[in-house]
Each structure stands twice: as C-alpha cells, then as structure tokens.
C-alpha cells in the first residue's frame, strides 16, 4: 500500500480499500462489544435466543395483565349497572 497525500497532508486511498478497512474495524468493534457484555463464547447464540425469549415472555405477561385488568374493570362496571337496575326496579323486594 502506497500512502498518497494531498496538498493539505490528508491521506488518500482507493474506496474499495477504505471500505475493507471499515468493514474489518466494524467487525472487530462488534466482537469487542459482545465480549464486553459476555456474549463472545460458543453459546452466545443460545444466550441471545434465551434473552429474546425472555423479552417475548415479558411482553406476553404485560399484554395479559392489561387484558385481565380491562376485563375486571368491565365486569365491575357491568355488575354495578345490574345492581343499579335491580335496585331501581325493586327486584329484591324493596320498601313499599
């Protein structure tokens, strides 16, 4: 590799060579980042799948909890309406 410089002292290189250097740097950076968080071993893919599964389970639990809360609120409102109707119509024997 011959180093070419322009009149301002900046190094110039062919674009394919520059892209190859960038790709290698990105790959090394990704490997270092995975190693920093402990996902660099042979079982890294399994660990990532487990993490994704855990996140999916958390999302399912959150969605189910919201659905349950909405159902309980709806049931409470319906029971209150039915109790109000029963009292209004004196179904359970009210005062004369």
PDB file of N, CA and C in Angstrom:
ATOM      1  N   UNK A   1       0.853  -1.173   0.000  1.00  0.00           N
ATOM      2  CA  UNK A   1       0.000   0.000   0.000  1.00  0.00           C
ATOM      3  C   UNK A   1       0.899   1.235   0.000  1.00  0.00           C
ATOM      4  N   UNK A   2       0.709   2.049  -0.976  1.00  0.00           N
ATOM      5  CA  UNK A   2       1.459   3.299  -1.031  1.00  0.00           C
ATOM      6  C   UNK A   2       0.589   4.395  -0.463  1.00  0.00           C
ATOM      7  N   UNK A   3       1.190   5.197   0.365  1.00  0.00           N
ATOM      8  CA  UNK A   3       0.451   6.280   1.009  1.00  0.00           C
ATOM      9  C   UNK A   3       0.515   7.496   0.109  1.00  0.00           C
ATOM     10  N   UNK A   4      -0.641   7.947  -0.288  1.00  0.00           N
ATOM     11  CA  UNK A   4      -0.732   9.177  -1.087  1.00  0.00           C
ATOM     12  C   UNK A   4      -1.336  10.264  -0.232  1.00  0.00           C
ATOM     13  N   UNK A   5      -0.753  11.408  -0.312  1.00  0.00           N
ATOM     14  CA  UNK A   5      -1.249  12.548   0.457  1.00  0.00           C
ATOM     15  C   UNK A   5      -1.595  13.676  -0.503  1.00  0.00           C
ATOM     16  N   UNK A   6      -2.617  14.431  -0.116  1.00  0.00           N
ATOM     17  CA  UNK A   6      -2.940  15.603  -0.928  1.00  0.00           C
ATOM     18  C   UNK A   6      -2.120  16.787  -0.420  1.00  0.00           C
ATOM     19  N   UNK A   7      -2.370  17.952  -0.997  1.00  0.00           N
ATOM     20  CA  UNK A   7      -1.555  19.118  -0.647  1.00  0.00           C
ATOM     21  C   UNK A   7      -1.770  19.591   0.801  1.00  0.00           C
ATOM     22  N   UNK A   8      -2.858  19.140   1.436  1.00  0.00           N
ATOM     23  CA  UNK A   8      -3.107  19.527   2.828  1.00  0.00           C
ATOM     24  C   UNK A   8      -2.576  18.494   3.824  1.00  0.00           C
ATOM     25  N   UNK A   9      -1.977  17.421   3.325  1.00  0.00           N
ATOM     26  CA  UNK A   9      -1.411  16.402   4.193  1.00  0.00           C
ATOM     27  C   UNK A   9      -2.350  15.269   4.531  1.00  0.00           C
ATOM     28  N   UNK A  10      -3.553  15.255   3.979  1.00  0.00           N
ATOM     29  CA  UNK A  10      -4.513  14.180   4.249  1.00  0.00           C
ATOM     30  C   UNK A  10      -4.159  12.953   3.412  1.00  0.00           C
ATOM     31  N   UNK A  11      -4.332  11.794   4.001  1.00  0.00           N
ATOM     32  CA  UNK A  11      -4.036  10.549   3.308  1.00  0.00           C
ATOM     33  C   UNK A  11      -5.184  10.208   2.374  1.00  0.00           C
ATOM     34  N   UNK A  12      -4.832   9.758   1.165  1.00  0.00           N
ATOM     35  CA  UNK A  12      -5.836   9.353   0.183  1.00  0.00           C
ATOM     36  C   UNK A  12      -5.656   7.876  -0.096  1.00  0.00           C
ATOM     37  N   UNK A  13      -6.762   7.136  -0.208  1.00  0.00           N
ATOM     38  CA  UNK A  13      -6.681   5.714  -0.540  1.00  0.00           C
ATOM     39  C   UNK A  13      -7.877   5.353  -1.404  1.00  0.00           C
ATOM     40  N   UNK A  14      -7.763   4.278  -2.161  1.00  0.00           N
ATOM     41  CA  UNK A  14      -8.887   3.852  -3.018  1.00  0.00           C
ATOM     42  C   UNK A  14     -10.106   3.481  -2.171  1.00  0.00           C
ATOM     43  N   UNK A  15     -11.265   3.714  -2.726  1.00  0.00           N
ATOM     44  CA  UNK A  15     -12.515   3.466  -1.993  1.00  0.00           C
ATOM     45  C   UNK A  15     -12.686   2.009  -1.588  1.00  0.00           C
ATOM     46  N   UNK A  16     -12.399   1.016  -2.441  1.00  0.00           N
ATOM     47  CA  UNK A  16     -12.543  -0.383  -2.003  1.00  0.00           C
ATOM     48  C   UNK A  16     -11.645  -0.719  -0.808  1.00  0.00           C
ATOM     49  N   UNK A  17     -10.445  -0.178  -0.793  1.00  0.00           N
ATOM     50  CA  UNK A  17      -9.541  -0.415   0.329  1.00  0.00           C
ATOM     51  C   UNK A  17     -10.079   0.230   1.604  1.00  0.00           C
ATOM     52  N   UNK A  18     -10.615   1.433   1.461  1.00  0.00           N
ATOM     53  CA  UNK A  18     -11.205   2.132   2.614  1.00  0.00           C
ATOM     54  C   UNK A  18     -12.400   1.365   3.158  1.00  0.00           C
ATOM     55  N   UNK A  19     -13.262   0.843   2.269  1.00  0.00           N
ATOM     56  CA  UNK A  19     -14.427   0.066   2.705  1.00  0.00           C
ATOM     57  C   UNK A  19     -14.006  -1.229   3.394  1.00  0.00           C
ATOM     58  N   UNK A  20     -12.935  -1.851   2.915  1.00  0.00           N
ATOM     59  CA  UNK A  20     -12.436  -3.072   3.556  1.00  0.00           C
ATOM     60  C   UNK A  20     -11.934  -2.766   4.964  1.00  0.00           C
ATOM     61  N   UNK A  21     -11.245  -1.661   5.130  1.00  0.00           N
ATOM     62  CA  UNK A  21     -10.768  -1.266   6.457  1.00  0.00           C
ATOM     63  C   UNK A  21     -11.945  -0.985   7.385  1.00  0.00           C
ATOM     64  N   UNK A  22     -12.955  -0.297   6.870  1.00  0.00           N
ATOM     65  CA  UNK A  22     -14.149  -0.013   7.677  1.00  0.00           C
ATOM     66  C   UNK A  22     -14.865  -1.292   8.089  1.00  0.00           C
ATOM     67  N   UNK A  23     -14.992  -2.239   7.155  1.00  0.00           N
ATOM     68  CA  UNK A  23     -15.674  -3.499   7.460  1.00  0.00           C
ATOM     69  C   UNK A  23     -14.908  -4.261   8.540  1.00  0.00           C
ATOM     70  N   UNK A  24     -13.589  -4.311   8.431  1.00  0.00           N
ATOM     71  CA  UNK A  24     -12.782  -5.013   9.427  1.00  0.00           C
ATOM     72  C   UNK A  24     -12.885  -4.330  10.796  1.00  0.00           C
ATOM     73  N   UNK A  25     -12.860  -3.000  10.795  1.00  0.00           N
ATOM     74  CA  UNK A  25     -12.973  -2.264  12.053  1.00  0.00           C
ATOM     75  C   UNK A  25     -14.346  -2.481  12.690  1.00  0.00           C
ATOM     76  N   UNK A  26     -15.399  -2.504  11.870  1.00  0.00           N
ATOM     77  CA  UNK A  26     -16.749  -2.727  12.402  1.00  0.00           C
ATOM     78  C   UNK A  26     -16.863  -4.128  12.996  1.00  0.00           C
ATOM     79  N   UNK A  27     -16.284  -5.117  12.314  1.00  0.00           N
ATOM     80  CA  UNK A  27     -16.341  -6.488  12.813  1.00  0.00           C
ATOM     81  C   UNK A  27     -15.579  -6.617  14.132  1.00  0.00           C
ATOM     82  N   UNK A  28     -14.405  -6.037  14.196  1.00  0.00           N
ATOM     83  CA  UNK A  28     -13.626  -6.089  15.439  1.00  0.00           C
ATOM     84  C   UNK A  28     -14.346  -5.350  16.572  1.00  0.00           C
ATOM     85  N   UNK A  29     -14.969  -4.230  16.256  1.00  0.00           N
ATOM     86  CA  UNK A  29     -15.719  -3.482  17.266  1.00  0.00           C
ATOM     87  C   UNK A  29     -16.911  -4.272  17.781  1.00  0.00           C
ATOM     88  N   UNK A  30     -17.610  -4.953  16.867  1.00  0.00           N
ATOM     89  CA  UNK A  30     -18.753  -5.767  17.282  1.00  0.00           C
ATOM     90  C   UNK A  30     -18.298  -6.926  18.168  1.00  0.00           C
ATOM     91  N   UNK A  31     -17.185  -7.560  17.790  1.00  0.00           N
ATOM     92  CA  UNK A  31     -16.671  -8.655  18.614  1.00  0.00           C
ATOM     93  C   UNK A  31     -16.283  -8.155  20.005  1.00  0.00           C
ATOM     94  N   UNK A  32     -15.659  -7.002  20.070  1.00  0.00           N
ATOM     95  CA  UNK A  32     -15.246  -6.445  21.361  1.00  0.00           C
ATOM     96  C   UNK A  32     -16.468  -6.078  22.206  1.00  0.00           C
ATOM     97  N   UNK A  33     -17.500  -5.512  21.553  1.00  0.00           N
ATOM     98  CA  UNK A  33     -18.716  -5.143  22.289  1.00  0.00           C
ATOM     99  C   UNK A  33     -19.410  -6.383  22.846  1.00  0.00           C
ATOM    100  N   UNK A  34     -19.479  -7.456  22.043  1.00  0.00           N
ATOM    101  CA  UNK A  34     -20.093  -8.692  22.535  1.00  0.00           C
ATOM    102  C   UNK A  34     -19.273  -9.301  23.664  1.00  0.00           C
ATOM    103  N   UNK A  35     -17.958  -9.212  23.557  1.00  0.00           N
ATOM    104  CA  UNK A  35     -17.104  -9.730  24.627  1.00  0.00           C
ATOM    105  C   UNK A  35     -17.295  -8.923  25.911  1.00  0.00           C
ATOM    106  N   UNK A  36     -17.497  -7.622  25.780  1.00  0.00           N
ATOM    107  CA  UNK A  36     -17.695  -6.774  26.961  1.00  0.00           C
ATOM    108  C   UNK A  36     -18.959  -7.134  27.734  1.00  0.00           C
ATOM    109  N   UNK A  37     -19.990  -7.589  27.028  1.00  0.00           N
ATOM    110  CA  UNK A  37     -21.239  -7.952  27.716  1.00  0.00           C
ATOM    111  C   UNK A  37     -21.336  -9.449  27.981  1.00  0.00           C
ATOM    112  N   UNK A  38     -20.271 -10.182  27.663  1.00  0.00           N
ATOM    113  CA  UNK A  38     -20.237 -11.601  27.982  1.00  0.00           C
ATOM    114  C   UNK A  38     -20.903 -12.499  26.970  1.00  0.00           C
ATOM    115  N   UNK A  39     -21.032 -12.049  25.741  1.00  0.00           N
ATOM    116  CA  UNK A  39     -21.674 -12.858  24.706  1.00  0.00           C
ATOM    117  C   UNK A  39     -20.685 -13.229  23.607  1.00  0.00           C
ATOM    118  N   UNK A  40     -19.497 -13.678  23.995  1.00  0.00           N
ATOM    119  CA  UNK A  40     -18.481 -13.977  22.994  1.00  0.00           C
ATOM    120  C   UNK A  40     -18.120 -15.453  22.914  1.00  0.00           C
ATOM    121  N   UNK A  41     -18.757 -16.304  23.693  1.00  0.00           N
ATOM    122  CA  UNK A  41     -18.412 -17.723  23.723  1.00  0.00           C
ATOM    123  C   UNK A  41     -19.139 -18.515  22.653  1.00  0.00           C
ATOM    124  N   UNK A  42     -18.980 -19.831  22.753  1.00  0.00           N
ATOM    125  CA  UNK A  42     -19.631 -20.727  21.791  1.00  0.00           C
ATOM    126  C   UNK A  42     -21.145 -20.738  21.963  1.00  0.00           C
ATOM    127  N   UNK A  43     -21.610 -20.449  23.151  1.00  0.00           N
ATOM    128  CA  UNK A  43     -23.046 -20.478  23.422  1.00  0.00           C
ATOM    129  C   UNK A  43     -23.688 -19.098  23.338  1.00  0.00           C
ATOM    130  N   UNK A  44     -23.023 -18.173  22.679  1.00  0.00           N
ATOM    131  CA  UNK A  44     -23.542 -16.804  22.582  1.00  0.00           C
ATOM    132  C   UNK A  44     -24.879 -16.770  21.839  1.00  0.00           C
ATOM    133  N   UNK A  45     -24.984 -17.545  20.761  1.00  0.00           N
ATOM    134  CA  UNK A  45     -26.240 -17.560  20.000  1.00  0.00           C
ATOM    135  C   UNK A  45     -27.377 -18.088  20.863  1.00  0.00           C
ATOM    136  N   UNK A  46     -27.103 -19.117  21.656  1.00  0.00           N
ATOM    137  CA  UNK A  46     -28.122 -19.665  22.556  1.00  0.00           C
ATOM    138  C   UNK A  46     -28.515 -18.640  23.618  1.00  0.00           C
ATOM    139  N   UNK A  47     -27.519 -17.919  24.139  1.00  0.00           N
ATOM    140  CA  UNK A  47     -27.815 -16.880  25.131  1.00  0.00           C
ATOM    141  C   UNK A  47     -28.696 -15.794  24.547  1.00  0.00           C
ATOM    142  N   UNK A  48     -28.411 -15.386  23.329  1.00  0.00           N
ATOM    143  CA  UNK A  48     -29.204 -14.333  22.688  1.00  0.00           C
ATOM    144  C   UNK A  48     -30.626 -14.831  22.433  1.00  0.00           C
ATOM    145  N   UNK A  49     -30.756 -16.095  22.000  1.00  0.00           N
ATOM    146  CA  UNK A  49     -32.105 -16.654  21.813  1.00  0.00           C
ATOM    147  C   UNK A  49     -32.872 -16.693  23.129  1.00  0.00           C
ATOM    148  N   UNK A  50     -32.174 -17.057  24.206  1.00  0.00           N
ATOM    149  CA  UNK A  50     -32.820 -17.079  25.522  1.00  0.00           C
ATOM    150  C   UNK A  50     -33.260 -15.675  25.945  1.00  0.00           C
ATOM    151  N   UNK A  51     -32.410 -14.691  25.690  1.00  0.00           N
ATOM    152  CA  UNK A  51     -32.777 -13.307  26.036  1.00  0.00           C
ATOM    153  C   UNK A  51     -33.989 -12.843  25.236  1.00  0.00           C
ATOM    154  N   UNK A  52     -34.010 -13.177  23.959  1.00  0.00           N
ATOM    155  CA  UNK A  52     -35.171 -12.802  23.130  1.00  0.00           C
ATOM    156  C   UNK A  52     -36.433 -13.499  23.615  1.00  0.00           C
ATOM    157  N   UNK A  53     -36.303 -14.756  23.994  1.00  0.00           N
ATOM    158  CA  UNK A  53     -37.445 -15.493  24.518  1.00  0.00           C
ATOM    159  C   UNK A  53     -37.943 -14.863  25.812  1.00  0.00           C
ATOM    160  N   UNK A  54     -37.007 -14.461  26.669  1.00  0.00           N
ATOM    161  CA  UNK A  54     -37.380 -13.810  27.921  1.00  0.00           C
ATOM    162  C   UNK A  54     -38.113 -12.492  27.670  1.00  0.00           C
ATOM    163  N   UNK A  55     -37.634 -11.715  26.719  1.00  0.00           N
ATOM    164  CA  UNK A  55     -38.289 -10.448  26.389  1.00  0.00           C
ATOM    165  C   UNK A  55     -39.683 -10.713  25.821  1.00  0.00           C
ATOM    166  N   UNK A  56     -39.815 -11.744  24.980  1.00  0.00           N
ATOM    167  CA  UNK A  56     -41.136 -12.097  24.451  1.00  0.00           C
ATOM    168  C   UNK A  56     -42.088 -12.500  25.573  1.00  0.00           C
ATOM    169  N   UNK A  57     -41.588 -13.248  26.553  1.00  0.00           N
ATOM    170  CA  UNK A  57     -42.427 -13.653  27.688  1.00  0.00           C
ATOM    171  C   UNK A  57     -42.862 -12.445  28.507  1.00  0.00           C
ATOM    172  N   UNK A  58     -41.955 -11.506  28.702  1.00  0.00           N
ATOM    173  CA  UNK A  58     -42.305 -10.288  29.449  1.00  0.00           C
ATOM    174  C   UNK A  58     -43.396  -9.521  28.714  1.00  0.00           C
ATOM    175  N   UNK A  59     -43.272  -9.426  27.406  1.00  0.00           N
ATOM    176  CA  UNK A  59     -44.304  -8.742  26.608  1.00  0.00           C
ATOM    177  C   UNK A  59     -45.643  -9.455  26.714  1.00  0.00           C
ATOM    178  N   UNK A  60     -45.624 -10.789  26.679  1.00  0.00           N
ATOM    179  CA  UNK A  60     -46.859 -11.561  26.799  1.00  0.00           C
ATOM    180  C   UNK A  60     -47.504 -11.350  28.165  1.00  0.00           C
ATOM    181  N   UNK A  61     -46.690 -11.365  29.221  1.00  0.00           N
ATOM    182  CA  UNK A  61     -47.216 -11.154  30.575  1.00  0.00           C
ATOM    183  C   UNK A  61     -47.824  -9.762  30.689  1.00  0.00           C
ATOM    184  N   UNK A  62     -47.138  -8.755  30.131  1.00  0.00           N
ATOM    185  CA  UNK A  62     -47.657  -7.383  30.189  1.00  0.00           C
ATOM    186  C   UNK A  62     -48.994  -7.278  29.449  1.00  0.00           C
ATOM    187  N   UNK A  63     -49.061  -7.895  28.264  1.00  0.00           N
ATOM    188  CA  UNK A  63     -50.297  -7.843  27.483  1.00  0.00           C
ATOM    189  C   UNK A  63     -51.427  -8.571  28.205  1.00  0.00           C
ATOM    190  N   UNK A  64     -51.130  -9.734  28.789  1.00  0.00           N
ATOM    191  CA  UNK A  64     -52.139 -10.499  29.512  1.00  0.00           C
ATOM    192  C   UNK A  64     -52.619  -9.736  30.746  1.00  0.00           C
ATOM    193  N   UNK A  65     -51.694  -9.090  31.443  1.00  0.00           N
ATOM    194  CA  UNK A  65     -52.085  -8.316  32.621  1.00  0.00           C
ATOM    195  C   UNK A  65     -53.008  -7.162  32.232  1.00  0.00           C
ATOM    196  N   UNK A  66     -52.714  -6.507  31.132  1.00  0.00           N
ATOM    197  CA  UNK A  66     -53.577  -5.410  30.678  1.00  0.00           C
ATOM    198  C   UNK A  66     -54.956  -5.940  30.290  1.00  0.00           C
ATOM    199  N   UNK A  67     -54.993  -7.058  29.591  1.00  0.00           N
ATOM    200  CA  UNK A  67     -56.283  -7.635  29.206  1.00  0.00           C
ATOM    201  C   UNK A  67     -57.084  -8.038  30.444  1.00  0.00           C
ATOM    202  N   UNK A  68     -56.415  -8.613  31.434  1.00  0.00           N
ATOM    203  CA  UNK A  68     -57.102  -9.009  32.663  1.00  0.00           C
ATOM    204  C   UNK A  68     -57.645  -7.794  33.397  1.00  0.00           C
ATOM    205  N   UNK A  69     -56.867  -6.733  33.467  1.00  0.00           N
ATOM    206  CA  UNK A  69     -57.317  -5.512  34.138  1.00  0.00           C
ATOM    207  C   UNK A  69     -58.535  -4.932  33.424  1.00  0.00           C
ATOM    208  N   UNK A  70     -58.518  -4.905  32.110  1.00  0.00           N
ATOM    209  CA  UNK A  70     -59.657  -4.373  31.355  1.00  0.00           C
ATOM    210  C   UNK A  70     -60.891  -5.237  31.580  1.00  0.00           C
ATOM    211  N   UNK A  71     -60.707  -6.554  31.592  1.00  0.00           N
ATOM    212  CA  UNK A  71     -61.853  -7.448  31.835  1.00  0.00           C
ATOM    213  C   UNK A  71     -62.431  -7.253  33.231  1.00  0.00           C
ATOM    214  N   UNK A  72     -61.566  -7.092  34.230  1.00  0.00           N
ATOM    215  CA  UNK A  72     -62.055  -6.893  35.598  1.00  0.00           C
ATOM    216  C   UNK A  72     -62.807  -5.570  35.717  1.00  0.00           C
ATOM    217  N   UNK A  73     -62.299  -4.524  35.117  1.00  0.00           N
ATOM    218  CA  UNK A  73     -62.978  -3.219  35.161  1.00  0.00           C
ATOM    219  C   UNK A  73     -64.321  -3.307  34.450  1.00  0.00           C
ATOM    220  N   UNK A  74     -64.338  -3.955  33.292  1.00  0.00           N
ATOM    221  CA  UNK A  74     -65.585  -4.106  32.544  1.00  0.00           C
ATOM    222  C   UNK A  74     -66.607  -4.914  33.337  1.00  0.00           C
ATOM    223  N   UNK A  75     -66.146  -5.994  33.952  1.00  0.00           N
ATOM    224  CA  UNK A  75     -67.054  -6.808  34.769  1.00  0.00           C
ATOM    225  C   UNK A  75     -67.595  -6.012  35.953  1.00  0.00           C
ATOM    226  N   UNK A  76     -66.753  -5.228  36.602  1.00  0.00           N
ATOM    227  CA  UNK A  76     -67.192  -4.394  37.724  1.00  0.00           C
ATOM    228  C   UNK A  76     -68.228  -3.379  37.304  1.00  0.00           C
ATOM    229  N   UNK A  77     -68.010  -2.752  36.155  1.00  0.00           N
ATOM    230  CA  UNK A  77     -68.980  -1.766  35.663  1.00  0.00           C
ATOM    231  C   UNK A  77     -70.306  -2.447  35.336  1.00  0.00           C
ATOM    232  N   UNK A  78     -70.236  -3.615  34.703  1.00  0.00           N
ATOM    233  CA  UNK A  78     -71.471  -4.336  34.356  1.00  0.00           C
ATOM    234  C   UNK A  78     -72.229  -4.758  35.628  1.00  0.00           C
ATOM    235  N   UNK A  79     -71.492  -5.249  36.639  1.00  0.00           N
ATOM    236  CA  UNK A  79     -72.160  -5.632  37.890  1.00  0.00           C
ATOM    237  C   UNK A  79     -72.782  -4.428  38.583  1.00  0.00           C
ATOM    238  N   UNK A  80     -72.111  -3.289  38.544  1.00  0.00           N
ATOM    239  CA  UNK A  80     -72.667  -2.081  39.150  1.00  0.00           C
ATOM    240  C   UNK A  80     -73.937  -1.653  38.419  1.00  0.00           C
ATOM    241  N   UNK A  81     -73.915  -1.726  37.100  1.00  0.00           N
ATOM    242  CA  UNK A  81     -75.121  -1.380  36.330  1.00  0.00           C
ATOM    243  C   UNK A  81     -76.274  -2.333  36.645  1.00  0.00           C
ATOM    244  N   UNK A  82     -75.968  -3.627  36.703  1.00  0.00           N
ATOM    245  CA  UNK A  82     -77.024  -4.596  37.023  1.00  0.00           C
ATOM    246  C   UNK A  82     -77.561  -4.381  38.431  1.00  0.00           C
ATOM    247  N   UNK A  83     -76.688  -4.080  39.384  1.00  0.00           N
ATOM    248  CA  UNK A  83     -77.148  -3.813  40.750  1.00  0.00           C
ATOM    249  C   UNK A  83     -78.007  -2.559  40.776  1.00  0.00           C
ATOM    250  N   UNK A  84     -77.620  -1.542  40.028  1.00  0.00           N
ATOM    251  CA  UNK A  84     -78.424  -0.314  39.961  1.00  0.00           C
ATOM    252  C   UNK A  84     -79.787  -0.569  39.345  1.00  0.00           C
ATOM    253  N   UNK A  85     -79.810  -1.375  38.296  1.00  0.00           N
ATOM    254  CA  UNK A  85     -81.088  -1.711  37.655  1.00  0.00           C
ATOM    255  C   UNK A  85     -81.956  -2.518  38.624  1.00  0.00           C
ATOM    256  N   UNK A  86     -81.369  -3.471  39.331  1.00  0.00           N
ATOM    257  CA  UNK A  86     -82.122  -4.300  40.274  1.00  0.00           C
ATOM    258  C   UNK A  86     -82.694  -3.440  41.400  1.00  0.00           C
ATOM    259  N   UNK A  87     -81.927  -2.498  41.887  1.00  0.00           N
ATOM    260  CA  UNK A  87     -82.426  -1.620  42.959  1.00  0.00           C
ATOM    261  C   UNK A  87     -83.522  -0.713  42.417  1.00  0.00           C
ATOM    262  N   UNK A  88     -83.328  -0.198  41.215  1.00  0.00           N
ATOM    263  CA  UNK A  88     -84.314   0.722  40.633  1.00  0.00           C
ATOM    264  C   UNK A  88     -85.647   0.015  40.378  1.00  0.00           C
ATOM    265  N   UNK A  89     -85.578  -1.240  39.924  1.00  0.00           N
ATOM    266  CA  UNK A  89     -86.802  -1.985  39.633  1.00  0.00           C
ATOM    267  C   UNK A  89     -87.334  -2.734  40.859  1.00  0.00           C
ATOM    268  N   UNK A  90     -86.652  -2.616  41.981  1.00  0.00           N
ATOM    269  CA  UNK A  90     -87.044  -3.239  43.246  1.00  0.00           C
ATOM    270  C   UNK A  90     -87.251  -4.753  43.063  1.00  0.00           C
ATOM    271  N   UNK A  91     -86.292  -5.387  42.395  1.00  0.00           N
ATOM    272  CA  UNK A  91     -86.383  -6.810  42.120  1.00  0.00           C
ATOM    273  C   UNK A  91     -86.218  -7.628  43.399  1.00  0.00           C
ATOM    274  N   UNK A  92     -85.377  -7.203  44.297  1.00  0.00           N
ATOM    275  CA  UNK A  92     -85.093  -7.967  45.506  1.00  0.00           C
ATOM    276  C   UNK A  92     -85.997  -7.560  46.675  1.00  0.00           C
ATOM    277  N   UNK A  93     -87.084  -6.997  46.363  1.00  0.00           N
ATOM    278  CA  UNK A  93     -88.057  -6.648  47.402  1.00  0.00           C
ATOM    279  C   UNK A  93     -87.619  -5.457  48.216  1.00  0.00           C
ATOM    280  N   UNK A  94     -87.967  -4.335  47.769  1.00  0.00           N
ATOM    281  CA  UNK A  94     -87.618  -3.107  48.478  1.00  0.00           C
ATOM    282  C   UNK A  94     -88.769  -2.666  49.370  1.00  0.00           C
ATOM    283  N   UNK A  95     -88.633  -1.516  49.943  1.00  0.00           N
ATOM    284  CA  UNK A  95     -89.699  -0.971  50.775  1.00  0.00           C
ATOM    285  C   UNK A  95     -90.852  -0.535  49.896  1.00  0.00           C
ATOM    286  N   UNK A  96     -92.112  -0.627  50.391  1.00  0.00           N
ATOM    287  CA  UNK A  96     -93.296  -0.313  49.560  1.00  0.00           C
ATOM    288  C   UNK A  96     -93.465   1.120  49.225  1.00  0.00           C
TER     289      UNK A  96
END
